[in-house]
Amino acid sequence: MSDRYLSFTGTAPGRFLTRRLGLPQPAALRRWSPERPALDGDEVLHLTAGGPAPLSDSPSGSPSAVVLDATGVRDTDGLAGVHAALHPVIRSIAPSGRVVVLGAPLDPTDHHQAAAQQALEGFTRSLGKEIGRGRTVNLVRLTDRAAAESTLSFLLSPKSAYVSGQVIEVGTAASAAAASAAAVTVDPDRPLAGRTALVTGAARGIGAAVAQTLARDGARVVVLDVPQAEEDARRLAERLDGIALALDITAADAGERIAAELPDGLDVLVHNAGITRDRRLVNMPADRWSSVLDVNLASVLRTTDALLAAKALNDNGRIVATASIAGLAGNAGQTNYGASKAGIAGLVRSLAPRALAEHGVTVNAVAPGFIETRMTAAVPLLIREAGRRMNSLAQGGLPVDVAETAAWLAHPASGAVNGQVVRVCGQSLLGA
């Protein structure tokens, strides 16, 4: 569904009127395309907190992005270096540009360092809410700088257009398979070549966008959806040179049936299938509660357990689940949905370290905010407009924004990104 307000604010009368009335002024976001794969602007500007100041307080160029290394900040004096480095250049960053701050893990033995590094989180999220013009700000906590290449490539590209205000932890590639995979040269245009990816709920909407994006990146995609959507799933699979699999993901034996269909194993598993049955708790019958919990959470747990037990996920595999900001911040009328999506976050954080240690598989989640789909198009106008505007980018995201984030987490070189729940919400003003 088109965003008429966004289109209107892109016109001269729209800019004038919204400025005079103090209304949101969203900027059209630069998303990835084969014709324009890089951000607009000049080269990326690399700075260090406490390092040399920029050459000019008013840089003549417009950097496409700024990367600030704040890993050495250990006290409040060091935080002054963050201000000194970014203050002169923020205004010059190109529209839809990026700011990425590199931080260090919090040191439990040094409360001064921990305080200073935690301060970076409040700093980046606050800057993300004020920077404007379609620009984003994110914080990457590094344990192993060499393992951050795929993460920085994603954040410094148009593919991360709707990811802002996030804190992403990059550890070390713990498994031997992940370490060897990182050493192999990956085709930057088709990083998933030779890998098999299965997407649940993939016949339409966000799932279809994920399937298309993984196929673009070279994956052989299995399009899984319920039997009622089999025709749509087959059409999409044919278009992607993939496979359609009609299966109710809530079936007790869904995991075993998936494993039987893929004797060579699976490299990427994207849990996207989900439903809503909204109603306030006081008016919610038990069947509305149980159906949402079964599809959105219980089926994910059962299927994941079965596939891991059957060793159906190959070494250096990826599991990407779908949470939601409704599960992180709550939403009236969605106690069932919020519970199911918060459960996904708990699954990710608990399973991730064990899945990596025991199976060489990473586990992460994407948490979409307001995404323009058929479901949100049916939301009443005023509520829909509030959902669109109540984020730092003042607009709804697109299914491809979720898909690009899932593709980054599925990348063979993303083995050091594990146990993360990454919000794709334009830095929604709801919740943290």
Protein backbone atom coordinates (compact mmCIF):
# COMPACT_ATOMS: atom_id res chain seq x y z
CA MET A 1 0.00 0.00 0.00
CA SER A 2 1.39 3.39 -0.96
CA ASP A 3 2.23 5.97 1.70
CA ARG A 4 0.54 9.12 0.38
CA TYR A 5 1.83 11.27 3.22
CA LEU A 6 5.42 10.30 2.41
CA SER A 7 4.81 11.16 -1.25
CA PHE A 8 3.23 14.49 -0.31
CA THR A 9 6.12 15.54 1.95
CA GLY A 10 8.47 14.94 -0.99
CA THR A 11 6.87 17.86 -2.86
CA ALA A 12 7.69 21.55 -2.34
CA PRO A 13 4.21 22.39 -0.99
CA GLY A 14 4.35 19.32 1.26
CA ARG A 15 7.72 20.29 2.69
CA PHE A 16 6.55 23.84 3.32
CA LEU A 17 3.27 22.85 4.97
CA THR A 18 4.66 20.09 7.20
CA ARG A 19 7.52 22.34 8.31
CA ARG A 20 5.13 25.14 9.25
CA LEU A 21 2.85 22.75 11.14
CA GLY A 22 5.67 20.86 12.85
CA LEU A 23 4.57 17.55 11.32
CA PRO A 24 6.89 14.60 10.61
CA GLN A 25 8.99 14.98 7.48
CA PRO A 26 10.03 11.49 6.40
CA ALA A 27 12.74 11.17 3.78
CA ALA A 28 12.47 8.61 0.99
CA LEU A 29 14.89 5.85 1.99
CA ARG A 30 17.65 4.59 -0.27
CA ARG A 31 17.20 0.83 -0.57
CA TRP A 32 19.44 -1.59 -2.40
CA SER A 33 19.01 -2.25 -6.10
CA PRO A 34 21.33 -3.85 -8.67
CA GLU A 35 21.64 -0.46 -10.36
CA ARG A 36 22.49 1.39 -7.13
CA PRO A 37 24.13 -1.07 -4.73
CA ALA A 38 26.01 1.51 -2.64
CA LEU A 39 25.00 4.44 -0.48
CA ASP A 40 24.94 7.92 -1.97
CA GLY A 41 27.67 10.35 -0.99
CA ASP A 42 31.44 10.33 -0.78
CA GLU A 43 33.60 7.67 0.82
CA VAL A 44 33.06 6.33 4.34
CA LEU A 45 34.72 8.54 6.96
CA HIS A 46 36.63 6.58 9.64
CA LEU A 47 37.18 8.32 12.98
CA THR A 48 38.52 7.34 16.40
CA ALA A 49 37.22 8.67 19.71
CA GLY A 50 40.17 10.51 21.19
CA GLY A 51 41.99 10.47 17.86
CA PRO A 52 42.78 13.39 15.55
CA ALA A 53 39.89 15.76 15.01
CA PRO A 54 38.37 16.03 11.50
CA LEU A 55 40.35 18.37 9.29
CA SER A 56 37.51 20.88 9.10
CA ASP A 57 34.57 21.79 11.30
CA SER A 58 32.53 22.04 8.09
CA PRO A 59 33.69 19.26 5.76
CA SER A 60 33.24 20.18 2.12
CA GLY A 61 32.25 16.63 1.14
CA SER A 62 29.23 14.56 2.14
CA PRO A 63 30.39 11.19 3.48
CA SER A 64 28.02 8.32 2.82
CA ALA A 65 28.75 7.05 6.32
CA VAL A 66 30.82 7.65 9.41
CA VAL A 67 32.39 4.81 11.39
CA LEU A 68 33.54 5.88 14.85
CA ASP A 69 35.89 3.55 16.72
CA ALA A 70 34.99 3.97 20.39
CA THR A 71 36.33 0.60 21.54
CA GLY A 72 39.04 2.36 23.54
CA VAL A 73 36.64 4.53 25.55
CA ARG A 74 37.07 3.51 29.18
CA ASP A 75 35.79 6.45 31.23
CA THR A 76 33.77 9.65 31.06
CA ASP A 77 36.76 11.58 29.80
CA GLY A 78 36.86 9.19 26.85
CA LEU A 79 33.23 10.00 26.09
CA ALA A 80 34.32 13.57 25.37
CA GLY A 81 36.21 12.11 22.42
CA VAL A 82 32.94 10.73 21.03
CA HIS A 83 31.47 14.22 20.98
CA ALA A 84 34.65 15.77 19.60
CA ALA A 85 34.81 13.27 16.73
CA LEU A 86 31.17 13.34 15.61
CA HIS A 87 30.05 16.88 16.40
CA PRO A 88 31.84 18.50 13.40
CA VAL A 89 30.68 15.95 10.80
CA ILE A 90 27.09 14.95 11.62
CA ARG A 91 25.53 17.72 9.56
CA SER A 92 27.56 16.79 6.47
CA ILE A 93 26.49 13.13 6.21
CA ALA A 94 24.58 12.44 3.00
CA PRO A 95 20.82 11.71 3.07
CA SER A 96 20.12 8.06 3.91
CA GLY A 97 23.68 7.91 5.26
CA ARG A 98 24.93 5.84 8.15
CA VAL A 99 26.64 6.30 11.50
CA VAL A 100 28.15 3.15 12.99
CA VAL A 101 29.78 3.36 16.40
CA LEU A 102 32.16 0.53 17.32
CA GLY A 103 32.10 -0.32 21.02
CA ALA A 104 33.66 -2.93 23.26
CA PRO A 105 32.01 -5.54 25.52
CA LEU A 106 31.30 -4.29 29.02
CA ASP A 107 34.11 -5.24 31.39
CA PRO A 108 32.60 -6.79 34.57
CA THR A 109 35.81 -6.03 36.48
CA ASP A 110 35.93 -2.31 35.60
CA HIS A 111 32.78 -0.34 36.35
CA HIS A 112 34.24 2.84 34.81
CA GLN A 113 34.74 1.08 31.48
CA ALA A 114 31.32 -0.59 31.72
CA ALA A 115 29.64 2.75 32.44
CA ALA A 116 31.39 4.47 29.55
CA GLN A 117 30.60 1.68 27.08
CA GLN A 118 26.98 1.47 28.22
CA ALA A 119 26.78 5.22 27.72
CA LEU A 120 27.43 4.61 24.02
CA GLU A 121 24.10 2.79 23.82
CA GLY A 122 22.14 5.77 25.09
CA PHE A 123 24.19 8.04 22.87
CA THR A 124 23.60 6.11 19.63
CA ARG A 125 19.90 5.63 20.25
CA SER A 126 19.43 9.30 21.03
CA LEU A 127 21.42 10.37 17.99
CA GLY A 128 19.31 8.03 15.85
CA LYS A 129 16.18 9.87 16.95
CA GLU A 130 17.50 13.29 15.98
CA ILE A 131 19.75 12.77 12.96
CA GLY A 132 16.93 12.86 10.35
CA ARG A 133 17.01 12.81 6.52
CA GLY A 134 16.68 9.02 6.37
CA ARG A 135 20.00 8.49 8.14
CA THR A 136 20.52 5.69 10.66
CA VAL A 137 22.72 5.15 13.72
CA ASN A 138 23.76 1.79 15.17
CA LEU A 139 26.22 0.47 17.75
CA VAL A 140 28.32 -2.65 17.14
CA ARG A 141 29.99 -4.20 20.18
CA LEU A 142 33.11 -6.03 19.01
CA THR A 143 34.85 -9.00 20.55
CA ASP A 144 36.68 -9.93 17.35
CA ARG A 145 37.10 -7.08 14.87
CA ALA A 146 37.98 -9.46 12.04
CA ALA A 147 34.64 -11.25 12.48
CA ALA A 148 32.60 -8.08 11.91
CA GLU A 149 33.03 -7.77 8.14
CA SER A 150 29.58 -9.04 7.14
CA THR A 151 27.91 -6.92 9.83
CA LEU A 152 29.67 -3.72 8.79
CA SER A 153 29.03 -4.44 5.12
CA PHE A 154 25.32 -4.73 5.89
CA LEU A 155 25.08 -1.66 8.10
CA LEU A 156 27.08 0.46 5.64
CA SER A 157 24.87 -0.43 2.69
CA PRO A 158 21.36 0.48 1.49
CA LYS A 159 20.24 -2.99 2.62
CA SER A 160 19.98 -1.73 6.22
CA ALA A 161 17.66 1.16 5.37
CA TYR A 162 15.13 0.40 8.13
CA VAL A 163 17.54 -0.78 10.84
CA SER A 164 18.42 1.98 13.30
CA GLY A 165 19.06 2.42 17.00
CA GLN A 166 20.27 -1.18 17.32
CA VAL A 167 23.01 -2.62 19.50
CA ILE A 168 24.56 -5.61 17.77
CA GLU A 169 27.08 -7.82 19.49
CA VAL A 170 29.70 -9.51 17.32
CA GLY A 171 31.60 -12.25 19.08
CA THR A 172 34.03 -14.80 17.71
CA ALA A 173 33.32 -17.51 15.15
CA ALA A 174 33.44 -20.33 17.69
CA SER A 175 32.99 -23.43 15.53
CA ALA A 176 35.65 -24.92 13.30
CA ALA A 177 33.18 -24.95 10.41
CA ALA A 178 32.45 -21.25 10.86
CA ALA A 179 36.15 -20.43 11.04
CA SER A 180 36.91 -22.34 7.86
CA ALA A 181 33.90 -20.83 6.11
CA ALA A 182 35.08 -17.34 7.01
CA ALA A 183 38.41 -18.11 5.36
CA VAL A 184 36.75 -19.12 2.08
CA THR A 185 36.27 -16.38 -0.46
CA VAL A 186 32.54 -15.74 -0.82
CA ASP A 187 31.08 -14.27 -4.00
CA PRO A 188 29.84 -10.87 -2.76
CA ASP A 189 26.98 -10.96 -5.28
CA ARG A 190 25.89 -14.53 -4.45
CA PRO A 191 27.13 -15.33 -0.94
CA LEU A 192 24.59 -18.14 -0.47
CA ALA A 193 25.51 -20.02 -3.65
CA GLY A 194 25.51 -23.75 -3.01
CA ARG A 195 23.41 -23.40 0.15
CA THR A 196 19.83 -24.53 0.75
CA ALA A 197 17.43 -22.23 2.59
CA LEU A 198 13.94 -23.03 3.86
CA VAL A 199 11.47 -20.23 4.64
CA THR A 200 8.20 -20.97 6.45
CA GLY A 201 5.10 -18.95 5.65
CA ALA A 202 6.81 -18.00 2.41
CA ALA A 203 3.95 -17.88 -0.10
CA ARG A 204 3.29 -14.18 0.38
CA GLY A 205 4.17 -11.04 2.32
CA ILE A 206 7.37 -10.90 4.34
CA GLY A 207 8.05 -14.61 3.80
CA ALA A 208 7.95 -14.22 0.04
CA ALA A 209 10.33 -11.26 0.25
CA VAL A 210 12.75 -13.31 2.37
CA ALA A 211 12.61 -16.19 -0.13
CA GLN A 212 13.26 -13.83 -3.04
CA THR A 213 16.18 -12.14 -1.31
CA LEU A 214 17.85 -15.42 -0.32
CA ALA A 215 17.42 -16.63 -3.91
CA ARG A 216 18.96 -13.40 -5.18
CA ASP A 217 21.95 -14.17 -2.95
CA GLY A 218 22.33 -17.59 -4.57
CA ALA A 219 20.43 -19.92 -2.26
CA ARG A 220 18.31 -22.84 -3.40
CA VAL A 221 15.08 -21.88 -1.66
CA VAL A 222 12.40 -24.16 -0.26
CA VAL A 223 9.11 -22.24 -0.11
CA LEU A 224 7.07 -23.74 2.72
CA ASP A 225 3.50 -22.80 3.47
CA VAL A 226 0.20 -24.37 4.51
CA PRO A 227 -1.63 -26.57 1.96
CA GLN A 228 -4.23 -23.80 1.46
CA ALA A 229 -1.48 -21.58 0.03
CA GLU A 230 0.13 -24.29 -2.08
CA GLU A 231 -0.68 -22.66 -5.41
CA ASP A 232 0.96 -19.37 -4.41
CA ALA A 233 3.93 -21.24 -2.98
CA ARG A 234 4.43 -23.20 -6.18
CA ARG A 235 4.28 -20.10 -8.36
CA LEU A 236 6.91 -18.39 -6.23
CA ALA A 237 9.13 -21.47 -6.12
CA GLU A 238 9.01 -21.81 -9.90
CA ARG A 239 9.98 -18.16 -10.29
CA LEU A 240 12.94 -18.66 -7.95
CA ASP A 241 14.05 -22.04 -9.34
CA GLY A 242 13.26 -23.41 -5.90
CA ILE A 243 11.04 -26.03 -4.33
CA ALA A 244 7.52 -25.69 -2.90
CA LEU A 245 6.61 -27.65 0.21
CA ALA A 246 2.97 -27.70 1.33
CA LEU A 247 3.03 -28.44 5.03
CA ASP A 248 1.26 -27.35 8.19
CA ILE A 249 4.15 -26.21 10.35
CA THR A 250 2.11 -26.94 13.48
CA ALA A 251 1.98 -30.66 12.68
CA ALA A 252 3.70 -32.74 15.35
CA ASP A 253 5.94 -34.36 12.73
CA ALA A 254 6.69 -31.20 10.68
CA GLY A 255 10.40 -31.28 11.52
CA GLU A 256 10.78 -34.92 10.59
CA ARG A 257 8.95 -34.36 7.29
CA ILE A 258 11.17 -31.41 6.42
CA ALA A 259 14.28 -33.46 7.15
CA ALA A 260 12.98 -36.28 4.94
CA GLU A 261 12.40 -33.84 2.06
CA LEU A 262 15.98 -32.54 2.29
CA PRO A 263 18.34 -35.53 2.49
CA ASP A 264 21.37 -33.30 1.84
CA GLY A 265 20.50 -31.12 4.80
CA LEU A 266 19.62 -27.51 5.28
CA ASP A 267 21.93 -24.50 5.58
CA VAL A 268 19.46 -21.73 6.41
CA LEU A 269 16.18 -22.07 8.29
CA VAL A 270 13.97 -18.98 8.46
CA HIS A 271 10.98 -19.27 10.79
CA ASN A 272 8.59 -16.71 9.33
CA ALA A 273 5.14 -18.34 9.59
CA GLY A 274 2.89 -16.47 11.97
CA ILE A 275 -0.71 -15.42 12.60
CA THR A 276 -2.57 -12.80 14.62
CA ARG A 277 -5.88 -13.26 16.44
CA ASP A 278 -6.16 -9.90 18.16
CA ARG A 279 -8.53 -9.21 21.03
CA ARG A 280 -8.16 -7.79 24.51
CA LEU A 281 -7.48 -10.47 27.08
CA VAL A 282 -10.83 -9.94 28.82
CA ASN A 283 -12.58 -10.84 25.54
CA MET A 284 -10.14 -13.47 24.27
CA PRO A 285 -11.39 -17.06 24.15
CA ALA A 286 -8.90 -19.88 24.74
CA ASP A 287 -8.81 -20.93 21.07
CA ARG A 288 -7.55 -17.50 19.99
CA TRP A 289 -4.81 -17.71 22.57
CA SER A 290 -3.72 -21.26 21.80
CA SER A 291 -3.78 -20.95 18.00
CA VAL A 292 -1.40 -17.97 18.03
CA LEU A 293 0.95 -19.56 20.56
CA ASP A 294 0.96 -22.81 18.58
CA VAL A 295 1.80 -21.27 15.20
CA ASN A 296 4.11 -18.48 16.34
CA LEU A 297 6.06 -20.21 19.11
CA ALA A 298 5.34 -23.88 19.79
CA SER A 299 5.82 -24.89 16.14
CA VAL A 300 9.15 -23.03 16.04
CA LEU A 301 10.35 -24.86 19.15
CA ARG A 302 9.20 -28.28 17.93
CA THR A 303 10.57 -27.90 14.41
CA THR A 304 13.91 -26.50 15.53
CA ASP A 305 14.37 -29.25 18.11
CA ALA A 306 13.52 -31.95 15.56
CA LEU A 307 15.84 -30.60 12.87
CA LEU A 308 18.75 -30.20 15.27
CA ALA A 309 18.20 -33.69 16.70
CA ALA A 310 18.14 -35.15 13.18
CA LYS A 311 21.32 -33.22 12.31
CA ALA A 312 19.42 -31.79 9.37
CA LEU A 313 21.12 -28.42 9.74
CA ASN A 314 24.58 -28.45 8.18
CA ASP A 315 27.73 -27.09 9.77
CA ASN A 316 27.90 -23.29 9.69
CA GLY A 317 24.12 -23.31 9.39
CA ARG A 318 21.82 -20.46 10.27
CA ILE A 319 18.50 -20.29 12.10
CA VAL A 320 16.67 -16.97 11.79
CA ALA A 321 13.40 -16.66 13.69
CA THR A 322 10.84 -13.87 13.48
CA ALA A 323 10.02 -11.96 16.65
CA SER A 324 8.24 -8.59 16.73
CA ILE A 325 8.40 -5.28 18.54
CA ALA A 326 5.00 -6.29 19.94
CA GLY A 327 6.85 -8.97 21.88
CA LEU A 328 9.55 -6.57 23.05
CA ALA A 329 7.40 -3.57 23.97
CA GLY A 330 3.88 -4.98 24.20
CA ASN A 331 0.76 -3.95 22.30
CA ALA A 332 -2.83 -3.55 23.46
CA GLY A 333 -5.08 -6.29 22.12
CA GLN A 334 -2.14 -8.59 21.39
CA THR A 335 -1.38 -10.41 24.64
CA ASN A 336 -1.30 -13.70 22.72
CA TYR A 337 0.84 -12.36 19.88
CA GLY A 338 3.14 -10.42 22.23
CA ALA A 339 3.66 -13.52 24.38
CA SER A 340 4.50 -15.64 21.35
CA LYS A 341 6.99 -13.16 19.94
CA ALA A 342 8.66 -12.51 23.30
CA GLY A 343 9.00 -16.28 23.53
CA ILE A 344 10.97 -16.23 20.28
CA ALA A 345 13.46 -13.83 21.87
CA GLY A 346 13.84 -16.18 24.82
CA LEU A 347 14.37 -19.14 22.50
CA VAL A 348 17.10 -17.30 20.62
CA ARG A 349 19.02 -16.19 23.69
CA SER A 350 18.92 -19.61 25.34
CA LEU A 351 19.53 -21.83 22.32
CA ALA A 352 22.13 -19.72 20.50
CA PRO A 353 25.25 -20.61 22.54
CA ARG A 354 24.37 -24.31 22.72
CA ALA A 355 23.42 -24.61 19.05
CA LEU A 356 26.73 -23.05 18.05
CA ALA A 357 28.79 -25.20 20.42
CA GLU A 358 27.00 -28.49 19.68
CA HIS A 359 25.89 -28.11 16.06
CA GLY A 360 27.94 -25.26 14.55
CA VAL A 361 24.68 -23.37 13.92
CA THR A 362 23.89 -19.75 14.83
CA VAL A 363 20.47 -18.67 16.09
CA ASN A 364 19.21 -15.11 15.73
CA ALA A 365 15.92 -13.28 15.24
CA VAL A 366 14.55 -10.31 13.35
CA ALA A 367 11.90 -8.23 15.10
CA PRO A 368 9.84 -6.25 12.57
CA GLY A 369 8.03 -3.08 13.47
CA PHE A 370 5.36 -1.49 11.25
CA ILE A 371 5.87 -3.14 7.87
CA GLU A 372 3.71 -2.29 4.85
CA THR A 373 1.84 -5.55 4.15
CA ARG A 374 -1.73 -6.56 3.39
CA MET A 375 -2.21 -7.06 7.13
CA THR A 376 -1.22 -3.49 8.04
CA ALA A 377 -3.19 -2.12 5.08
CA ALA A 378 -6.33 -3.42 6.83
CA VAL A 379 -5.56 -1.47 10.01
CA PRO A 380 -7.86 1.56 10.58
CA LEU A 381 -6.45 4.75 9.05
CA LEU A 382 -5.53 6.69 12.19
CA ILE A 383 -3.89 3.69 13.86
CA ARG A 384 -2.05 2.90 10.63
CA GLU A 385 -0.73 6.44 10.37
CA ALA A 386 0.43 6.36 13.99
CA GLY A 387 2.26 3.10 13.33
CA ARG A 388 3.98 4.60 10.33
CA ARG A 389 5.07 7.84 11.97
CA MET A 390 6.07 6.66 15.45
CA ASN A 391 9.65 5.82 14.60
CA SER A 392 12.80 7.78 13.93
CA LEU A 393 12.37 7.47 10.16
CA ALA A 394 8.66 8.50 10.33
CA GLN A 395 7.50 5.84 7.88
CA GLY A 396 6.62 2.18 7.60
CA GLY A 397 9.15 -0.38 6.49
CA LEU A 398 8.85 -2.72 3.54
CA PRO A 399 8.97 -6.54 3.53
CA VAL A 400 12.34 -6.32 1.79
CA ASP A 401 13.78 -4.55 4.86
CA VAL A 402 13.09 -7.64 6.97
CA ALA A 403 14.36 -9.84 4.16
CA GLU A 404 17.68 -8.01 3.84
CA THR A 405 18.24 -8.33 7.59
CA ALA A 406 17.51 -12.06 7.46
CA ALA A 407 19.92 -12.41 4.52
CA TRP A 408 22.69 -10.72 6.52
CA LEU A 409 22.12 -13.10 9.43
CA ALA A 410 22.13 -16.02 6.95
CA HIS A 411 25.43 -14.95 5.36
CA PRO A 412 28.23 -17.55 5.60
CA ALA A 413 30.52 -14.90 7.15
CA SER A 414 28.00 -13.98 9.89
CA GLY A 415 29.04 -16.82 12.19
CA ALA A 416 30.11 -14.38 14.91
CA VAL A 417 26.61 -12.89 15.10
CA ASN A 418 24.74 -15.19 17.47
CA GLY A 419 21.93 -14.82 20.00
CA GLN A 420 20.87 -11.42 18.62
CA VAL A 421 17.34 -10.04 18.29
CA VAL A 422 17.60 -7.27 15.71
CA ARG A 423 14.71 -4.86 15.40
CA VAL A 424 13.75 -3.87 11.85
CA CYS A 425 11.51 -1.02 12.88
CA GLY A 426 13.08 2.29 11.86
CA GLN A 427 13.91 2.72 15.56
CA SER A 428 10.31 2.55 16.73
CA LEU A 429 9.55 4.90 19.58
CA LEU A 430 7.81 2.01 21.38
CA GLY A 431 10.02 0.17 23.85
CA ALA A 432 13.81 0.19 24.01
